[in-house]
């Protein structure tokens, strides 16, 4: 239990202090927060899985636009991740799809499978971590991975095969060519409910190689673009505990206390100067319940008597000043 002490030094004139405690980020007032423990750490908690579908484009020696044999081509991905902090997550993803493109003379076709690990930053959570009712989210991510692919290039007019990569002589799965790549992108999410979220993603994959389009030369490193929609499911969210009922304490022998719809117990005695008739009143919501924040206003008047006293605010476990 935390104890906050406020030194009270009234003057000869009637003094009224208003202490407003808010659960709002970046406001100058003192704040008291009802911690709901909606995020609980530990390796068992705050996991998510999902699926995405979208399109792939290649930025390489043979472009993915113009001509008949062009991208976009279909791509699918599945992933599993964990929220390490409310603002940071790790995600492992498998991406599969195709690429194609051509210029005036040549064209290519590629099958690929990528394995990547991403670190994800939740920008809205960083800027305003106290809004648990937020529906929209904005994320940026950066990762590392391996890309296995099988690529072929052809003469567009005759269809003659000019080059082949990954057909049983590469280091990847099924003998495909394997290259290191770096994915980076942005993502917008919309929370449907506690468990499900919609995702809109656009990302760039920088490949450490020049054979993704089966055409070496020109650009030293090929680049792959992805854009798509997805759905994620969040599970093992951890315990969600409601805050305990507040217990405000004072001695009615010396201080009349006005309150609404809360429990009251006498635990603290105040010894004040004889003749003093101070007044403390609390303005409280009729219901606290399961909500993110509430206002607590304490009005103190000294009845025109000089003196010094301490006011102790006892905060039950799960609540804190900010």
C-alpha atoms as a PDB file:
ATOM      1  CA  UNK A   1       0.000   0.000   0.000  1.00  0.00           C
ATOM      2  CA  UNK A   2       1.358   3.377  -1.036  1.00  0.00           C
ATOM      3  CA  UNK A   3       0.961   6.463   1.192  1.00  0.00           C
ATOM      4  CA  UNK A   4       1.029   9.957  -0.214  1.00  0.00           C
ATOM      5  CA  UNK A   5       1.470  12.824   2.283  1.00  0.00           C
ATOM      6  CA  UNK A   6       0.503  16.410   1.532  1.00  0.00           C
ATOM      7  CA  UNK A   7       1.549  19.158   3.932  1.00  0.00           C
ATOM      8  CA  UNK A   8      -1.345  21.526   4.598  1.00  0.00           C
ATOM      9  CA  UNK A   9      -0.554  25.131   5.696  1.00  0.00           C
ATOM     10  CA  UNK A  10      -3.778  27.214   5.797  1.00  0.00           C
ATOM     11  CA  UNK A  11      -3.880  31.002   6.293  1.00  0.00           C
ATOM     12  CA  UNK A  12      -6.152  33.223   8.433  1.00  0.00           C
ATOM     13  CA  UNK A  13      -8.574  33.496   5.572  1.00  0.00           C
ATOM     14  CA  UNK A  14     -10.788  30.687   4.431  1.00  0.00           C
ATOM     15  CA  UNK A  15      -8.777  28.428   2.130  1.00  0.00           C
ATOM     16  CA  UNK A  16     -10.076  25.819  -0.219  1.00  0.00           C
ATOM     17  CA  UNK A  17      -7.756  23.396  -1.884  1.00  0.00           C
ATOM     18  CA  UNK A  18      -8.907  21.370  -4.819  1.00  0.00           C
ATOM     19  CA  UNK A  19      -6.809  18.297  -5.518  1.00  0.00           C
ATOM     20  CA  UNK A  20      -7.825  16.770  -8.823  1.00  0.00           C
ATOM     21  CA  UNK A  21      -6.280  13.400  -9.582  1.00  0.00           C
ATOM     22  CA  UNK A  22      -6.564  12.344 -13.238  1.00  0.00           C
ATOM     23  CA  UNK A  23      -5.516   9.270 -15.173  1.00  0.00           C
ATOM     24  CA  UNK A  24      -4.530  11.216 -18.321  1.00  0.00           C
ATOM     25  CA  UNK A  25      -1.067  11.084 -19.844  1.00  0.00           C
ATOM     26  CA  UNK A  26       1.147  14.186 -20.002  1.00  0.00           C
ATOM     27  CA  UNK A  27      -1.127  16.426 -17.947  1.00  0.00           C
ATOM     28  CA  UNK A  28       0.485  18.511 -15.188  1.00  0.00           C
ATOM     29  CA  UNK A  29      -1.982  17.536 -12.458  1.00  0.00           C
ATOM     30  CA  UNK A  30      -1.332  14.734  -9.996  1.00  0.00           C
ATOM     31  CA  UNK A  31      -2.982  11.595 -11.210  1.00  0.00           C
ATOM     32  CA  UNK A  32      -4.190   8.389  -9.642  1.00  0.00           C
ATOM     33  CA  UNK A  33      -4.553   5.385 -11.894  1.00  0.00           C
ATOM     34  CA  UNK A  34      -6.599   2.264 -11.490  1.00  0.00           C
ATOM     35  CA  UNK A  35      -4.219  -0.392 -12.730  1.00  0.00           C
ATOM     36  CA  UNK A  36      -6.225  -3.086 -14.486  1.00  0.00           C
ATOM     37  CA  UNK A  37      -3.225  -5.327 -15.112  1.00  0.00           C
ATOM     38  CA  UNK A  38      -4.485  -5.806 -18.663  1.00  0.00           C
ATOM     39  CA  UNK A  39      -0.889  -6.534 -19.728  1.00  0.00           C
ATOM     40  CA  UNK A  40       0.829  -9.225 -17.728  1.00  0.00           C
ATOM     41  CA  UNK A  41       4.345 -10.316 -18.641  1.00  0.00           C
ATOM     42  CA  UNK A  42       5.782 -13.810 -18.735  1.00  0.00           C
ATOM     43  CA  UNK A  43       6.502 -16.111 -21.639  1.00  0.00           C
ATOM     44  CA  UNK A  44       3.058 -17.754 -21.475  1.00  0.00           C
ATOM     45  CA  UNK A  45       1.069 -14.560 -21.979  1.00  0.00           C
ATOM     46  CA  UNK A  46       0.208 -12.153 -24.823  1.00  0.00           C
ATOM     47  CA  UNK A  47       0.672 -14.310 -27.910  1.00  0.00           C
ATOM     48  CA  UNK A  48      -0.897 -13.806 -31.315  1.00  0.00           C
ATOM     49  CA  UNK A  49      -1.132 -15.628 -34.619  1.00  0.00           C
ATOM     50  CA  UNK A  50      -2.467 -14.609 -37.985  1.00  0.00           C
ATOM     51  CA  UNK A  51      -2.655 -14.866 -41.748  1.00  0.00           C
ATOM     52  CA  UNK A  52      -2.107 -12.318 -44.536  1.00  0.00           C
ATOM     53  CA  UNK A  53      -2.893 -12.271 -48.244  1.00  0.00           C
ATOM     54  CA  UNK A  54      -1.583  -9.772 -50.743  1.00  0.00           C
ATOM     55  CA  UNK A  55       0.535  -9.079 -53.797  1.00  0.00           C
ATOM     56  CA  UNK A  56       4.259  -9.079 -54.605  1.00  0.00           C
ATOM     57  CA  UNK A  57       6.201  -6.851 -56.991  1.00  0.00           C
ATOM     58  CA  UNK A  58       9.861  -7.029 -57.990  1.00  0.00           C
ATOM     59  CA  UNK A  59      12.255  -4.123 -58.383  1.00  0.00           C
ATOM     60  CA  UNK A  60      15.036  -5.819 -60.317  1.00  0.00           C
ATOM     61  CA  UNK A  61      16.711  -6.054 -63.739  1.00  0.00           C
ATOM     62  CA  UNK A  62      13.394  -7.197 -65.248  1.00  0.00           C
ATOM     63  CA  UNK A  63      10.602  -4.966 -63.957  1.00  0.00           C
ATOM     64  CA  UNK A  64       7.247  -6.156 -62.641  1.00  0.00           C
ATOM     65  CA  UNK A  65       5.253  -3.795 -64.859  1.00  0.00           C
ATOM     66  CA  UNK A  66       4.822  -3.433 -68.590  1.00  0.00           C
ATOM     67  CA  UNK A  67       4.129  -6.217 -71.056  1.00  0.00           C
ATOM     68  CA  UNK A  68       1.923  -9.267 -70.627  1.00  0.00           C
ATOM     69  CA  UNK A  69       3.843 -11.301 -68.068  1.00  0.00           C
ATOM     70  CA  UNK A  70       3.673  -8.832 -65.191  1.00  0.00           C
ATOM     71  CA  UNK A  71       3.153  -8.678 -61.446  1.00  0.00           C
ATOM     72  CA  UNK A  72       1.443  -8.331 -59.091  1.00  0.00           C
ATOM     73  CA  UNK A  73       1.454 -11.976 -58.139  1.00  0.00           C
ATOM     74  CA  UNK A  74      -0.298 -13.588 -55.175  1.00  0.00           C
ATOM     75  CA  UNK A  75       1.407 -13.970 -51.795  1.00  0.00           C
ATOM     76  CA  UNK A  76       0.275 -15.577 -48.543  1.00  0.00           C
ATOM     77  CA  UNK A  77       1.854 -15.565 -45.100  1.00  0.00           C
ATOM     78  CA  UNK A  78       1.263 -17.062 -41.660  1.00  0.00           C
ATOM     79  CA  UNK A  79       2.885 -15.872 -38.458  1.00  0.00           C
ATOM     80  CA  UNK A  80       3.194 -16.338 -34.719  1.00  0.00           C
ATOM     81  CA  UNK A  81       4.210 -13.554 -32.353  1.00  0.00           C
ATOM     82  CA  UNK A  82       4.365 -12.320 -28.779  1.00  0.00           C
ATOM     83  CA  UNK A  83       3.914  -8.914 -27.170  1.00  0.00           C
ATOM     84  CA  UNK A  84       7.057  -8.425 -25.074  1.00  0.00           C
ATOM     85  CA  UNK A  85       5.839  -5.012 -23.904  1.00  0.00           C
ATOM     86  CA  UNK A  86       2.634  -3.132 -24.760  1.00  0.00           C
ATOM     87  CA  UNK A  87       4.696  -1.150 -27.298  1.00  0.00           C
ATOM     88  CA  UNK A  88       7.080  -3.865 -28.580  1.00  0.00           C
ATOM     89  CA  UNK A  89       6.460  -7.289 -30.130  1.00  0.00           C
ATOM     90  CA  UNK A  90       8.427 -10.067 -31.804  1.00  0.00           C
ATOM     91  CA  UNK A  91       6.978 -12.035 -34.708  1.00  0.00           C
ATOM     92  CA  UNK A  92       8.116 -15.020 -36.745  1.00  0.00           C
ATOM     93  CA  UNK A  93       6.616 -15.186 -40.234  1.00  0.00           C
ATOM     94  CA  UNK A  94       6.635 -17.484 -43.271  1.00  0.00           C
ATOM     95  CA  UNK A  95       5.844 -15.798 -46.606  1.00  0.00           C
ATOM     96  CA  UNK A  96       5.146 -17.710 -49.817  1.00  0.00           C
ATOM     97  CA  UNK A  97       4.330 -16.417 -53.275  1.00  0.00           C
ATOM     98  CA  UNK A  98       5.359 -15.758 -56.848  1.00  0.00           C
ATOM     99  CA  UNK A  99       7.027 -12.988 -58.822  1.00  0.00           C
ATOM    100  CA  UNK A 100       7.038 -12.257 -62.527  1.00  0.00           C
ATOM    101  CA  UNK A 101       8.009  -9.462 -64.892  1.00  0.00           C
ATOM    102  CA  UNK A 102       9.508  -8.590 -68.261  1.00  0.00           C
ATOM    103  CA  UNK A 103      11.101  -5.996 -70.481  1.00  0.00           C
ATOM    104  CA  UNK A 104      11.018  -5.726 -74.256  1.00  0.00           C
ATOM    105  CA  UNK A 105      13.043  -8.910 -74.769  1.00  0.00           C
ATOM    106  CA  UNK A 106      13.076 -11.040 -71.611  1.00  0.00           C
ATOM    107  CA  UNK A 107      10.682 -12.165 -68.913  1.00  0.00           C
ATOM    108  CA  UNK A 108      10.999 -14.124 -65.659  1.00  0.00           C
ATOM    109  CA  UNK A 109       8.984 -16.227 -63.243  1.00  0.00           C
ATOM    110  CA  UNK A 110       9.919 -16.917 -59.619  1.00  0.00           C
ATOM    111  CA  UNK A 111       8.544 -19.076 -56.817  1.00  0.00           C
ATOM    112  CA  UNK A 112       9.670 -18.109 -53.323  1.00  0.00           C
ATOM    113  CA  UNK A 113       9.403 -18.915 -49.633  1.00  0.00           C
ATOM    114  CA  UNK A 114      10.703 -16.509 -46.974  1.00  0.00           C
ATOM    115  CA  UNK A 115      11.371 -17.040 -43.254  1.00  0.00           C
ATOM    116  CA  UNK A 116      11.757 -13.935 -41.128  1.00  0.00           C
ATOM    117  CA  UNK A 117      11.853 -12.644 -37.559  1.00  0.00           C
ATOM    118  CA  UNK A 118      10.527  -9.115 -37.017  1.00  0.00           C
ATOM    119  CA  UNK A 119      10.702  -6.571 -34.229  1.00  0.00           C
ATOM    120  CA  UNK A 120       7.548  -4.412 -34.144  1.00  0.00           C
ATOM    121  CA  UNK A 121       7.025  -1.009 -32.515  1.00  0.00           C
ATOM    122  CA  UNK A 122       3.488   0.133 -31.659  1.00  0.00           C
ATOM    123  CA  UNK A 123       3.671   3.893 -32.251  1.00  0.00           C
ATOM    124  CA  UNK A 124       0.307   4.779 -30.697  1.00  0.00           C
ATOM    125  CA  UNK A 125       1.190   2.820 -27.552  1.00  0.00           C
ATOM    126  CA  UNK A 126       4.470   4.724 -27.269  1.00  0.00           C
ATOM    127  CA  UNK A 127       2.746   8.109 -27.622  1.00  0.00           C
ATOM    128  CA  UNK A 128      -0.265   7.381 -25.379  1.00  0.00           C
ATOM    129  CA  UNK A 129       0.090   4.138 -23.396  1.00  0.00           C
ATOM    130  CA  UNK A 130      -2.937   4.752 -21.158  1.00  0.00           C
ATOM    131  CA  UNK A 131      -5.652   4.438 -23.804  1.00  0.00           C
ATOM    132  CA  UNK A 132      -6.774   0.832 -23.479  1.00  0.00           C
ATOM    133  CA  UNK A 133      -9.951   1.496 -25.490  1.00  0.00           C
ATOM    134  CA  UNK A 134      -7.984   2.413 -28.603  1.00  0.00           C
ATOM    135  CA  UNK A 135      -9.307   0.793 -31.787  1.00  0.00           C
ATOM    136  CA  UNK A 136      -6.673   1.869 -34.315  1.00  0.00           C
ATOM    137  CA  UNK A 137      -2.977   1.114 -34.203  1.00  0.00           C
ATOM    138  CA  UNK A 138       0.076   2.178 -36.219  1.00  0.00           C
ATOM    139  CA  UNK A 139       3.184  -0.021 -36.283  1.00  0.00           C
ATOM    140  CA  UNK A 140       6.621  -0.036 -37.864  1.00  0.00           C
ATOM    141  CA  UNK A 141       8.774  -3.135 -38.128  1.00  0.00           C
ATOM    142  CA  UNK A 142      12.218  -4.307 -39.137  1.00  0.00           C
ATOM    143  CA  UNK A 143      13.387  -7.884 -39.484  1.00  0.00           C
ATOM    144  CA  UNK A 144      15.931 -10.424 -40.657  1.00  0.00           C
ATOM    145  CA  UNK A 145      15.362 -13.565 -42.664  1.00  0.00           C
ATOM    146  CA  UNK A 146      16.221 -16.047 -45.383  1.00  0.00           C
ATOM    147  CA  UNK A 147      14.552 -16.199 -48.787  1.00  0.00           C
ATOM    148  CA  UNK A 148      14.459 -19.493 -50.729  1.00  0.00           C
ATOM    149  CA  UNK A 149      13.470 -19.173 -54.382  1.00  0.00           C
ATOM    150  CA  UNK A 150      13.438 -20.848 -57.773  1.00  0.00           C
ATOM    151  CA  UNK A 151      13.684 -18.466 -60.739  1.00  0.00           C
ATOM    152  CA  UNK A 152      13.686 -18.772 -64.527  1.00  0.00           C
ATOM    153  CA  UNK A 153      14.208 -16.231 -67.300  1.00  0.00           C
ATOM    154  CA  UNK A 154      12.992 -16.579 -70.883  1.00  0.00           C
ATOM    155  CA  UNK A 155      13.046 -14.916 -74.248  1.00  0.00           C
ATOM    156  CA  UNK A 156       9.631 -13.285 -74.410  1.00  0.00           C
ATOM    157  CA  UNK A 157       9.012 -13.906 -78.115  1.00  0.00           C
ATOM    158  CA  UNK A 158      10.122 -17.538 -78.376  1.00  0.00           C
ATOM    159  CA  UNK A 159       9.762 -18.717 -74.779  1.00  0.00           C
ATOM    160  CA  UNK A 160      13.284 -20.122 -74.772  1.00  0.00           C
ATOM    161  CA  UNK A 161      14.661 -20.657 -71.255  1.00  0.00           C
ATOM    162  CA  UNK A 162      17.781 -18.556 -70.747  1.00  0.00           C
ATOM    163  CA  UNK A 163      18.738 -19.023 -67.085  1.00  0.00           C
ATOM    164  CA  UNK A 164      17.659 -21.139 -64.146  1.00  0.00           C
ATOM    165  CA  UNK A 165      18.419 -20.673 -60.460  1.00  0.00           C
ATOM    166  CA  UNK A 166      17.508 -22.904 -57.550  1.00  0.00           C
ATOM    167  CA  UNK A 167      16.506 -26.021 -59.470  1.00  0.00           C
ATOM    168  CA  UNK A 168      17.969 -28.574 -57.065  1.00  0.00           C
ATOM    169  CA  UNK A 169      21.440 -27.072 -56.707  1.00  0.00           C
ATOM    170  CA  UNK A 170      20.814 -24.324 -54.132  1.00  0.00           C
ATOM    171  CA  UNK A 171      21.167 -24.348 -50.352  1.00  0.00           C
ATOM    172  CA  UNK A 172      17.493 -23.714 -49.635  1.00  0.00           C
ATOM    173  CA  UNK A 173      14.473 -25.987 -49.329  1.00  0.00           C
ATOM    174  CA  UNK A 174      14.126 -28.434 -52.286  1.00  0.00           C
ATOM    175  CA  UNK A 175      17.471 -27.203 -53.560  1.00  0.00           C
ATOM    176  CA  UNK A 176      16.228 -23.641 -54.134  1.00  0.00           C
ATOM    177  CA  UNK A 177      18.587 -20.666 -54.034  1.00  0.00           C
ATOM    178  CA  UNK A 178      18.880 -19.145 -50.567  1.00  0.00           C
ATOM    179  CA  UNK A 179      19.626 -15.483 -49.901  1.00  0.00           C
ATOM    180  CA  UNK A 180      19.626 -13.304 -46.808  1.00  0.00           C
ATOM    181  CA  UNK A 181      17.026 -10.493 -46.804  1.00  0.00           C
ATOM    182  CA  UNK A 182      15.824  -7.599 -44.617  1.00  0.00           C
ATOM    183  CA  UNK A 183      12.078  -6.820 -44.410  1.00  0.00           C
ATOM    184  CA  UNK A 184      10.937  -3.359 -43.291  1.00  0.00           C
ATOM    185  CA  UNK A 185       7.490  -1.824 -43.372  1.00  0.00           C
ATOM    186  CA  UNK A 186       4.505  -0.135 -41.784  1.00  0.00           C
ATOM    187  CA  UNK A 187       1.198  -1.562 -40.664  1.00  0.00           C
ATOM    188  CA  UNK A 188      -2.195  -0.135 -39.705  1.00  0.00           C
ATOM    189  CA  UNK A 189      -4.400  -2.256 -37.430  1.00  0.00           C
ATOM    190  CA  UNK A 190      -8.022  -2.088 -36.332  1.00  0.00           C
ATOM    191  CA  UNK A 191      -9.164  -3.951 -33.200  1.00  0.00           C
ATOM    192  CA  UNK A 192     -12.451  -5.760 -33.842  1.00  0.00           C
ATOM    193  CA  UNK A 193     -12.622  -7.030 -30.237  1.00  0.00           C
ATOM    194  CA  UNK A 194     -10.284  -8.298 -27.522  1.00  0.00           C
ATOM    195  CA  UNK A 195      -9.151 -11.247 -29.642  1.00  0.00           C
ATOM    196  CA  UNK A 196      -9.276 -10.247 -33.321  1.00  0.00           C
ATOM    197  CA  UNK A 197      -7.619  -7.451 -35.309  1.00  0.00           C
ATOM    198  CA  UNK A 198      -7.553  -6.460 -38.967  1.00  0.00           C
ATOM    199  CA  UNK A 199      -4.217  -5.520 -40.558  1.00  0.00           C
ATOM    200  CA  UNK A 200      -3.182  -3.435 -43.566  1.00  0.00           C
ATOM    201  CA  UNK A 201       0.513  -3.779 -44.392  1.00  0.00           C
ATOM    202  CA  UNK A 202       2.981  -2.483 -46.908  1.00  0.00           C
ATOM    203  CA  UNK A 203       6.610  -3.606 -46.753  1.00  0.00           C
ATOM    204  CA  UNK A 204       9.882  -3.682 -48.652  1.00  0.00           C
ATOM    205  CA  UNK A 205      12.189  -6.707 -48.684  1.00  0.00           C
ATOM    206  CA  UNK A 206      15.841  -6.014 -49.487  1.00  0.00           C
ATOM    207  CA  UNK A 207      17.431  -9.181 -50.916  1.00  0.00           C
ATOM    208  CA  UNK A 208      21.150  -9.821 -50.637  1.00  0.00           C
ATOM    209  CA  UNK A 209      21.438 -11.144 -54.194  1.00  0.00           C
ATOM    210  CA  UNK A 210      20.774 -10.476 -57.871  1.00  0.00           C
ATOM    211  CA  UNK A 211      19.147 -13.712 -59.001  1.00  0.00           C
ATOM    212  CA  UNK A 212      15.540 -13.192 -57.842  1.00  0.00           C
ATOM    213  CA  UNK A 213      14.549 -12.386 -61.443  1.00  0.00           C
ATOM    214  CA  UNK A 214      16.969 -14.998 -62.908  1.00  0.00           C
ATOM    215  CA  UNK A 215      18.876 -12.130 -64.513  1.00  0.00           C
ATOM    216  CA  UNK A 216      22.267 -11.121 -63.165  1.00  0.00           C
ATOM    217  CA  UNK A 217      23.703  -7.703 -63.850  1.00  0.00           C
ATOM    218  CA  UNK A 218      22.373  -4.187 -63.689  1.00  0.00           C
ATOM    219  CA  UNK A 219      21.037  -3.814 -60.139  1.00  0.00           C
ATOM    220  CA  UNK A 220      23.383  -5.500 -57.668  1.00  0.00           C
ATOM    221  CA  UNK A 221      20.589  -6.347 -55.209  1.00  0.00           C
ATOM    222  CA  UNK A 222      16.978  -7.160 -55.982  1.00  0.00           C
ATOM    223  CA  UNK A 223      14.092  -5.705 -53.997  1.00  0.00           C
ATOM    224  CA  UNK A 224      10.657  -7.176 -53.385  1.00  0.00           C
ATOM    225  CA  UNK A 225       7.520  -5.179 -52.429  1.00  0.00           C
ATOM    226  CA  UNK A 226       4.511  -6.579 -50.568  1.00  0.00           C
ATOM    227  CA  UNK A 227       1.071  -5.083 -49.870  1.00  0.00           C
ATOM    228  CA  UNK A 228      -1.808  -6.957 -48.283  1.00  0.00           C
ATOM    229  CA  UNK A 229      -4.547  -7.453 -45.721  1.00  0.00           C
ATOM    230  CA  UNK A 230      -4.578  -9.786 -42.733  1.00  0.00           C
ATOM    231  CA  UNK A 231      -6.409 -11.023 -39.667  1.00  0.00           C
ATOM    232  CA  UNK A 232      -4.784 -11.857 -36.320  1.00  0.00           C
ATOM    233  CA  UNK A 233      -5.979 -13.724 -33.248  1.00  0.00           C
ATOM    234  CA  UNK A 234      -4.623 -12.827 -29.788  1.00  0.00           C
ATOM    235  CA  UNK A 235      -4.590 -15.405 -26.986  1.00  0.00           C
ATOM    236  CA  UNK A 236      -3.257 -16.008 -23.475  1.00  0.00           C
ATOM    237  CA  UNK A 237      -3.766 -12.338 -22.696  1.00  0.00           C
ATOM    238  CA  UNK A 238      -2.950 -12.762 -18.992  1.00  0.00           C
ATOM    239  CA  UNK A 239      -5.220 -12.109 -16.036  1.00  0.00           C
ATOM    240  CA  UNK A 240      -7.456  -9.135 -16.267  1.00  0.00           C
ATOM    241  CA  UNK A 241      -8.181  -7.923 -12.765  1.00  0.00           C
ATOM    242  CA  UNK A 242     -10.620  -5.258 -11.721  1.00  0.00           C
ATOM    243  CA  UNK A 243      -9.259  -2.697  -9.267  1.00  0.00           C
ATOM    244  CA  UNK A 244     -10.157  -3.308  -5.616  1.00  0.00           C
ATOM    245  CA  UNK A 245     -12.837  -1.107  -4.103  1.00  0.00           C
ATOM    246  CA  UNK A 246     -11.309   2.065  -2.741  1.00  0.00           C
ATOM    247  CA  UNK A 247     -11.218   2.363   1.039  1.00  0.00           C
ATOM    248  CA  UNK A 248     -11.099   5.995   2.220  1.00  0.00           C
ATOM    249  CA  UNK A 249     -10.318   6.410   5.911  1.00  0.00           C
ATOM    250  CA  UNK A 250     -10.644   9.295   8.366  1.00  0.00           C
ATOM    251  CA  UNK A 251     -11.912   9.991  11.873  1.00  0.00           C
ATOM    252  CA  UNK A 252     -15.425  11.405  11.977  1.00  0.00           C
ATOM    253  CA  UNK A 253     -14.713  12.673  15.504  1.00  0.00           C
ATOM    254  CA  UNK A 254     -12.636  15.519  14.115  1.00  0.00           C
ATOM    255  CA  UNK A 255     -13.343  15.671  10.388  1.00  0.00           C
ATOM    256  CA  UNK A 256     -16.792  15.390   8.835  1.00  0.00           C
ATOM    257  CA  UNK A 257     -16.427  13.452   5.603  1.00  0.00           C
ATOM    258  CA  UNK A 258     -18.885  13.636   2.732  1.00  0.00           C
ATOM    259  CA  UNK A 259     -18.836  10.708   0.360  1.00  0.00           C
ATOM    260  CA  UNK A 260     -20.964   8.871  -2.205  1.00  0.00           C
ATOM    261  CA  UNK A 261     -21.434   5.167  -2.802  1.00  0.00           C
ATOM    262  CA  UNK A 262     -18.157   3.966  -1.314  1.00  0.00           C
ATOM    263  CA  UNK A 263     -17.243   1.913   1.740  1.00  0.00           C
ATOM    264  CA  UNK A 264     -16.038   3.816   4.789  1.00  0.00           C
ATOM    265  CA  UNK A 265     -13.920   2.678   7.703  1.00  0.00           C
ATOM    266  CA  UNK A 266     -12.378   4.535  10.653  1.00  0.00           C
ATOM    267  CA  UNK A 267      -8.682   3.858  10.907  1.00  0.00           C
ATOM    268  CA  UNK A 268      -6.909   7.205  11.310  1.00  0.00           C
ATOM    269  CA  UNK A 269      -7.354   9.781  14.064  1.00  0.00           C
ATOM    270  CA  UNK A 270      -6.534  13.456  13.443  1.00  0.00           C
ATOM    271  CA  UNK A 271      -5.384  15.598  16.373  1.00  0.00           C
ATOM    272  CA  UNK A 272      -6.144  19.197  15.469  1.00  0.00           C
ATOM    273  CA  UNK A 273      -5.917  22.456  17.409  1.00  0.00           C
ATOM    274  CA  UNK A 274      -8.864  23.019  19.783  1.00  0.00           C
ATOM    275  CA  UNK A 275     -11.552  25.101  18.219  1.00  0.00           C
ATOM    276  CA  UNK A 276     -10.651  24.194  14.664  1.00  0.00           C
ATOM    277  CA  UNK A 277     -13.512  23.000  12.517  1.00  0.00           C
ATOM    278  CA  UNK A 278     -11.906  21.947   9.246  1.00  0.00           C
ATOM    279  CA  UNK A 279     -13.901  20.357   6.490  1.00  0.00           C
ATOM    280  CA  UNK A 280     -12.831  17.777   3.976  1.00  0.00           C
ATOM    281  CA  UNK A 281     -15.201  16.683   1.246  1.00  0.00           C
ATOM    282  CA  UNK A 282     -14.630  14.131  -1.488  1.00  0.00           C
ATOM    283  CA  UNK A 283     -16.269  14.320  -4.874  1.00  0.00           C
ATOM    284  CA  UNK A 284     -16.367  10.816  -6.308  1.00  0.00           C
ATOM    285  CA  UNK A 285     -18.068   9.054  -9.223  1.00  0.00           C
ATOM    286  CA  UNK A 286     -21.169   7.096  -8.319  1.00  0.00           C
ATOM    287  CA  UNK A 287     -19.578   4.036  -9.921  1.00  0.00           C
ATOM    288  CA  UNK A 288     -15.934   3.185 -10.367  1.00  0.00           C
ATOM    289  CA  UNK A 289     -16.201  -0.273 -11.923  1.00  0.00           C
ATOM    290  CA  UNK A 290     -14.017  -1.434 -14.788  1.00  0.00           C
ATOM    291  CA  UNK A 291     -12.841   1.853 -16.294  1.00  0.00           C
ATOM    292  CA  UNK A 292      -9.507   3.323 -17.234  1.00  0.00           C
ATOM    293  CA  UNK A 293      -9.541   6.426 -15.030  1.00  0.00           C
ATOM    294  CA  UNK A 294     -11.694   8.538 -12.765  1.00  0.00           C
ATOM    295  CA  UNK A 295     -11.521  11.947 -11.096  1.00  0.00           C
ATOM    296  CA  UNK A 296     -11.102  12.296  -7.340  1.00  0.00           C
ATOM    297  CA  UNK A 297     -11.542  15.843  -6.025  1.00  0.00           C
ATOM    298  CA  UNK A 298     -10.639  16.690  -2.414  1.00  0.00           C
ATOM    299  CA  UNK A 299     -11.834  20.033  -1.032  1.00  0.00           C
ATOM    300  CA  UNK A 300     -10.162  21.237   2.167  1.00  0.00           C
ATOM    301  CA  UNK A 301     -11.161  24.347   4.173  1.00  0.00           C
ATOM    302  CA  UNK A 302      -9.532  25.379   7.462  1.00  0.00           C
ATOM    303  CA  UNK A 303     -12.309  27.462   9.045  1.00  0.00           C
ATOM    304  CA  UNK A 304      -9.982  30.465   9.394  1.00  0.00           C
ATOM    305  CA  UNK A 305      -7.604  28.859  11.936  1.00  0.00           C
ATOM    306  CA  UNK A 306      -3.857  28.790  11.403  1.00  0.00           C
ATOM    307  CA  UNK A 307      -2.146  25.492  11.756  1.00  0.00           C
ATOM    308  CA  UNK A 308      -0.188  22.722  10.099  1.00  0.00           C
ATOM    309  CA  UNK A 309      -1.390  19.221   9.474  1.00  0.00           C
ATOM    310  CA  UNK A 310      -0.669  16.278   7.216  1.00  0.00           C
ATOM    311  CA  UNK A 311      -3.236  14.726   4.938  1.00  0.00           C
ATOM    312  CA  UNK A 312      -2.575  11.088   4.183  1.00  0.00           C
ATOM    313  CA  UNK A 313      -4.087   9.505   1.104  1.00  0.00           C
ATOM    314  CA  UNK A 314      -3.917   5.737   1.406  1.00  0.00           C
ATOM    315  CA  UNK A 315      -3.932   4.010  -1.958  1.00  0.00           C
ATOM    316  CA  UNK A 316      -4.895   0.332  -2.104  1.00  0.00           C
ATOM    317  CA  UNK A 317      -2.744  -2.088  -4.040  1.00  0.00           C
ATOM    318  CA  UNK A 318      -3.326  -1.675  -7.751  1.00  0.00           C
ATOM    319  CA  UNK A 319      -3.633   2.124  -7.634  1.00  0.00           C
ATOM    320  CA  UNK A 320      -0.841   4.658  -7.905  1.00  0.00           C
ATOM    321  CA  UNK A 321      -0.128   8.384  -8.144  1.00  0.00           C
ATOM    322  CA  UNK A 322       1.321   9.748 -11.348  1.00  0.00           C
END
